[in-house]
Structure formats: structure tokens, C-alpha cells
Amino acid sequence: MIVSLTEDALAELSMLPMSIQRRMYKIVKRLESWPDVSGAKPLRGDLAGHFRVRTGDYRLQFRLNDDRIIVEKIGHRDGFYED
């Protein structure tokens, strides 16, 4: 599966501490083996159709688009689902 990050997700990723960036890169690499990704949970409500993976207090939100995974948001859990 092809994984791409939106410009917003890339900007959010670059603002994280380096140790968290490394963990997020590992998650992105794991997403290439979709649907065999442990810890991915579907979101509900307004975010139905999207998924999230967490690592510690940080979240990565993505959606599926045909044969591509699009990472839309990366950040700390505080206020992560608000927008």
C-alpha cells in the first residue's frame, strides 16, 4: 500500500520532538502493510471513515483512498480530535 502525508501532516510532524518523529516514521512504515496493522482503530461520528494509530500520547490520523493511505494529521492527544 502506498502511504502519503498531507502538507499539514508533514508540518505537524516536523514540529514534534525528534524521538516522537522517529516513532511516527515507524508507524508510517507499518501502514504500508495495511490492513495488517496492529493498533489502527476506526474513528466515529464526524470522523467516520478515518482511522487512528497511537503511540504514547501522540496520534496519527489517516484515511483510505483506493490503493493509497493518506495521513492527514499528526499530533499530541490533547485536542487532537477537535477542529
N, C-alpha and C. Protein backbone atom coordinates (compact mmCIF):
# COMPACT_ATOMS: atom_id res chain seq x y z
N MET A 1 0.85 -1.17 0.00
CA MET A 1 0.00 0.00 0.00
C MET A 1 0.89 1.24 0.00
N ILE A 2 0.51 2.24 -0.75
CA ILE A 2 1.27 3.49 -0.82
C ILE A 2 0.76 4.42 0.29
N VAL A 3 1.68 5.00 1.04
CA VAL A 3 1.33 5.92 2.12
C VAL A 3 1.86 7.31 1.77
N SER A 4 0.99 8.30 1.86
CA SER A 4 1.43 9.68 1.63
C SER A 4 0.94 10.55 2.78
N LEU A 5 1.64 11.64 3.01
CA LEU A 5 1.29 12.59 4.06
C LEU A 5 0.86 13.90 3.43
N THR A 6 -0.18 14.50 3.99
CA THR A 6 -0.60 15.81 3.52
C THR A 6 0.44 16.85 3.96
N GLU A 7 0.38 18.02 3.37
CA GLU A 7 1.30 19.10 3.76
C GLU A 7 1.13 19.45 5.23
N ASP A 8 -0.13 19.45 5.71
CA ASP A 8 -0.39 19.74 7.12
C ASP A 8 0.25 18.70 8.02
N ALA A 9 0.11 17.42 7.64
CA ALA A 9 0.68 16.34 8.46
C ALA A 9 2.21 16.45 8.49
N LEU A 10 2.82 16.78 7.36
CA LEU A 10 4.28 16.95 7.32
C LEU A 10 4.72 18.10 8.23
N ALA A 11 3.97 19.19 8.22
CA ALA A 11 4.30 20.34 9.07
C ALA A 11 4.15 19.96 10.54
N GLU A 12 3.07 19.26 10.87
CA GLU A 12 2.85 18.83 12.25
C GLU A 12 3.95 17.89 12.71
N LEU A 13 4.34 16.98 11.83
CA LEU A 13 5.40 16.02 12.15
C LEU A 13 6.71 16.74 12.43
N SER A 14 7.04 17.74 11.63
CA SER A 14 8.32 18.44 11.79
C SER A 14 8.40 19.22 13.10
N MET A 15 7.25 19.51 13.71
CA MET A 15 7.25 20.29 14.95
C MET A 15 7.33 19.40 16.20
N LEU A 16 7.30 18.10 16.02
CA LEU A 16 7.36 17.17 17.16
C LEU A 16 8.81 16.95 17.58
N PRO A 17 9.01 16.53 18.83
CA PRO A 17 10.37 16.16 19.26
C PRO A 17 10.91 15.03 18.38
N MET A 18 12.21 15.01 18.20
CA MET A 18 12.84 14.04 17.30
C MET A 18 12.50 12.59 17.68
N SER A 19 12.42 12.29 18.97
CA SER A 19 12.12 10.91 19.38
C SER A 19 10.71 10.52 18.93
N ILE A 20 9.76 11.46 18.97
CA ILE A 20 8.39 11.17 18.54
C ILE A 20 8.35 11.09 17.02
N GLN A 21 9.13 11.92 16.33
CA GLN A 21 9.19 11.84 14.87
C GLN A 21 9.63 10.44 14.43
N ARG A 22 10.63 9.90 15.10
CA ARG A 22 11.10 8.55 14.74
C ARG A 22 10.01 7.52 14.94
N ARG A 23 9.24 7.64 16.02
CA ARG A 23 8.14 6.70 16.26
C ARG A 23 7.07 6.85 15.19
N MET A 24 6.78 8.06 14.77
CA MET A 24 5.77 8.29 13.74
C MET A 24 6.23 7.72 12.39
N TYR A 25 7.51 7.88 12.07
CA TYR A 25 8.02 7.30 10.83
C TYR A 25 7.86 5.78 10.83
N LYS A 26 8.05 5.15 11.99
CA LYS A 26 7.86 3.71 12.09
C LYS A 26 6.40 3.33 11.85
N ILE A 27 5.49 4.15 12.37
CA ILE A 27 4.06 3.89 12.14
C ILE A 27 3.73 4.03 10.66
N VAL A 28 4.25 5.06 10.02
CA VAL A 28 4.01 5.25 8.57
C VAL A 28 4.52 4.03 7.81
N LYS A 29 5.67 3.53 8.18
CA LYS A 29 6.22 2.34 7.52
C LYS A 29 5.30 1.14 7.74
N ARG A 30 4.76 1.00 8.97
CA ARG A 30 3.83 -0.11 9.26
C ARG A 30 2.57 -0.02 8.43
N LEU A 31 2.11 1.21 8.15
CA LEU A 31 0.88 1.38 7.38
C LEU A 31 0.99 0.83 5.96
N GLU A 32 2.20 0.68 5.46
CA GLU A 32 2.40 0.11 4.12
C GLU A 32 1.87 -1.32 4.03
N SER A 33 1.75 -1.99 5.16
CA SER A 33 1.26 -3.38 5.14
C SER A 33 -0.23 -3.45 5.47
N TRP A 34 -0.96 -2.37 5.26
CA TRP A 34 -2.41 -2.33 5.50
C TRP A 34 -3.08 -3.45 4.75
N PRO A 35 -4.01 -4.19 5.31
CA PRO A 35 -4.73 -3.98 6.56
C PRO A 35 -4.12 -4.70 7.75
N ASP A 36 -2.95 -5.27 7.61
CA ASP A 36 -2.32 -5.99 8.72
C ASP A 36 -1.53 -5.03 9.62
N VAL A 37 -2.22 -4.04 10.17
CA VAL A 37 -1.59 -3.04 11.03
C VAL A 37 -2.23 -3.14 12.41
N SER A 38 -1.42 -3.47 13.39
CA SER A 38 -1.95 -3.57 14.75
C SER A 38 -2.16 -2.17 15.33
N GLY A 39 -3.20 -2.02 16.10
CA GLY A 39 -3.44 -0.77 16.80
C GLY A 39 -4.21 0.28 16.01
N ALA A 40 -4.54 0.03 14.76
CA ALA A 40 -5.31 1.01 13.98
C ALA A 40 -6.78 0.87 14.36
N LYS A 41 -7.39 1.99 14.73
CA LYS A 41 -8.79 1.96 15.15
C LYS A 41 -9.61 2.90 14.28
N PRO A 42 -10.79 2.45 13.87
CA PRO A 42 -11.67 3.34 13.09
C PRO A 42 -12.24 4.42 14.00
N LEU A 43 -12.38 5.61 13.45
CA LEU A 43 -12.96 6.72 14.20
C LEU A 43 -14.46 6.77 13.92
N ARG A 44 -15.18 7.46 14.80
CA ARG A 44 -16.64 7.51 14.68
C ARG A 44 -17.11 8.95 14.55
N GLY A 45 -18.41 9.10 14.41
CA GLY A 45 -19.01 10.43 14.35
C GLY A 45 -18.60 11.17 13.09
N ASP A 46 -18.21 12.43 13.27
CA ASP A 46 -17.80 13.26 12.13
C ASP A 46 -16.57 12.72 11.43
N LEU A 47 -15.80 11.90 12.13
CA LEU A 47 -14.56 11.36 11.55
C LEU A 47 -14.73 9.92 11.05
N ALA A 48 -15.96 9.48 10.90
CA ALA A 48 -16.20 8.14 10.37
C ALA A 48 -15.52 8.02 9.01
N GLY A 49 -14.90 6.88 8.77
CA GLY A 49 -14.16 6.66 7.53
C GLY A 49 -12.67 6.95 7.68
N HIS A 50 -12.29 7.49 8.84
CA HIS A 50 -10.90 7.75 9.15
C HIS A 50 -10.45 6.76 10.22
N PHE A 51 -9.14 6.63 10.36
CA PHE A 51 -8.56 5.73 11.35
C PHE A 51 -7.50 6.49 12.13
N ARG A 52 -7.12 5.93 13.28
CA ARG A 52 -6.02 6.49 14.04
C ARG A 52 -5.14 5.39 14.57
N VAL A 53 -3.88 5.72 14.72
CA VAL A 53 -2.90 4.86 15.38
C VAL A 53 -2.27 5.73 16.46
N ARG A 54 -2.07 5.16 17.62
CA ARG A 54 -1.46 5.95 18.69
C ARG A 54 -0.11 5.37 19.08
N THR A 55 0.73 6.25 19.57
CA THR A 55 1.99 5.85 20.17
C THR A 55 2.19 6.76 21.37
N GLY A 56 2.05 6.22 22.54
CA GLY A 56 2.11 7.03 23.76
C GLY A 56 0.99 8.05 23.75
N ASP A 57 1.34 9.32 23.93
CA ASP A 57 0.36 10.40 23.96
C ASP A 57 0.15 11.02 22.58
N TYR A 58 0.69 10.44 21.54
CA TYR A 58 0.61 11.02 20.20
C TYR A 58 -0.26 10.17 19.29
N ARG A 59 -0.88 10.84 18.33
CA ARG A 59 -1.81 10.19 17.42
C ARG A 59 -1.45 10.50 15.97
N LEU A 60 -1.78 9.56 15.11
CA LEU A 60 -1.64 9.73 13.67
C LEU A 60 -2.99 9.36 13.07
N GLN A 61 -3.61 10.29 12.34
CA GLN A 61 -4.93 10.07 11.74
C GLN A 61 -4.76 9.89 10.24
N PHE A 62 -5.45 8.88 9.69
CA PHE A 62 -5.35 8.63 8.26
C PHE A 62 -6.67 8.16 7.70
N ARG A 63 -6.74 8.16 6.37
CA ARG A 63 -7.91 7.63 5.67
C ARG A 63 -7.43 6.83 4.48
N LEU A 64 -8.31 5.97 4.00
CA LEU A 64 -8.00 5.16 2.82
C LEU A 64 -8.59 5.83 1.59
N ASN A 65 -7.85 5.79 0.51
CA ASN A 65 -8.31 6.33 -0.76
C ASN A 65 -7.85 5.38 -1.85
N ASP A 66 -8.72 4.46 -2.25
CA ASP A 66 -8.40 3.41 -3.22
C ASP A 66 -7.20 2.61 -2.74
N ASP A 67 -6.07 2.67 -3.43
CA ASP A 67 -4.89 1.88 -3.06
C ASP A 67 -3.86 2.74 -2.33
N ARG A 68 -4.32 3.79 -1.70
CA ARG A 68 -3.42 4.73 -1.03
C ARG A 68 -3.93 5.03 0.38
N ILE A 69 -2.99 5.22 1.29
CA ILE A 69 -3.30 5.68 2.64
C ILE A 69 -2.81 7.12 2.73
N ILE A 70 -3.70 8.00 3.18
CA ILE A 70 -3.35 9.41 3.28
C ILE A 70 -3.34 9.80 4.76
N VAL A 71 -2.16 10.14 5.25
CA VAL A 71 -2.00 10.60 6.63
C VAL A 71 -2.38 12.07 6.64
N GLU A 72 -3.40 12.39 7.43
CA GLU A 72 -3.95 13.75 7.43
C GLU A 72 -3.52 14.60 8.61
N LYS A 73 -3.23 13.94 9.73
CA LYS A 73 -2.97 14.70 10.95
C LYS A 73 -2.06 13.92 11.86
N ILE A 74 -1.14 14.63 12.52
CA ILE A 74 -0.22 14.02 13.48
C ILE A 74 -0.10 14.98 14.64
N GLY A 75 -0.25 14.49 15.87
CA GLY A 75 -0.09 15.40 17.00
C GLY A 75 -0.34 14.76 18.34
N HIS A 76 -0.26 15.60 19.36
CA HIS A 76 -0.49 15.19 20.74
C HIS A 76 -1.98 14.96 20.95
N ARG A 77 -2.31 14.06 21.84
CA ARG A 77 -3.71 13.69 22.05
C ARG A 77 -4.56 14.84 22.55
N ASP A 78 -3.98 15.81 23.26
CA ASP A 78 -4.75 16.94 23.77
C ASP A 78 -5.31 17.75 22.61
N GLY A 79 -6.61 17.73 22.44
CA GLY A 79 -7.26 18.49 21.39
C GLY A 79 -7.08 17.91 20.00
N PHE A 80 -6.58 16.68 19.91
CA PHE A 80 -6.28 16.10 18.60
C PHE A 80 -7.52 15.96 17.73
N TYR A 81 -8.66 15.63 18.31
CA TYR A 81 -9.85 15.38 17.52
C TYR A 81 -10.73 16.62 17.38
N GLU A 82 -10.29 17.74 17.89
CA GLU A 82 -11.06 18.98 17.78
C GLU A 82 -10.59 19.76 16.55
N ASP A 83 -11.51 20.29 15.82
CA ASP A 83 -11.19 21.18 14.68
C ASP A 83 -12.41 21.81 14.14
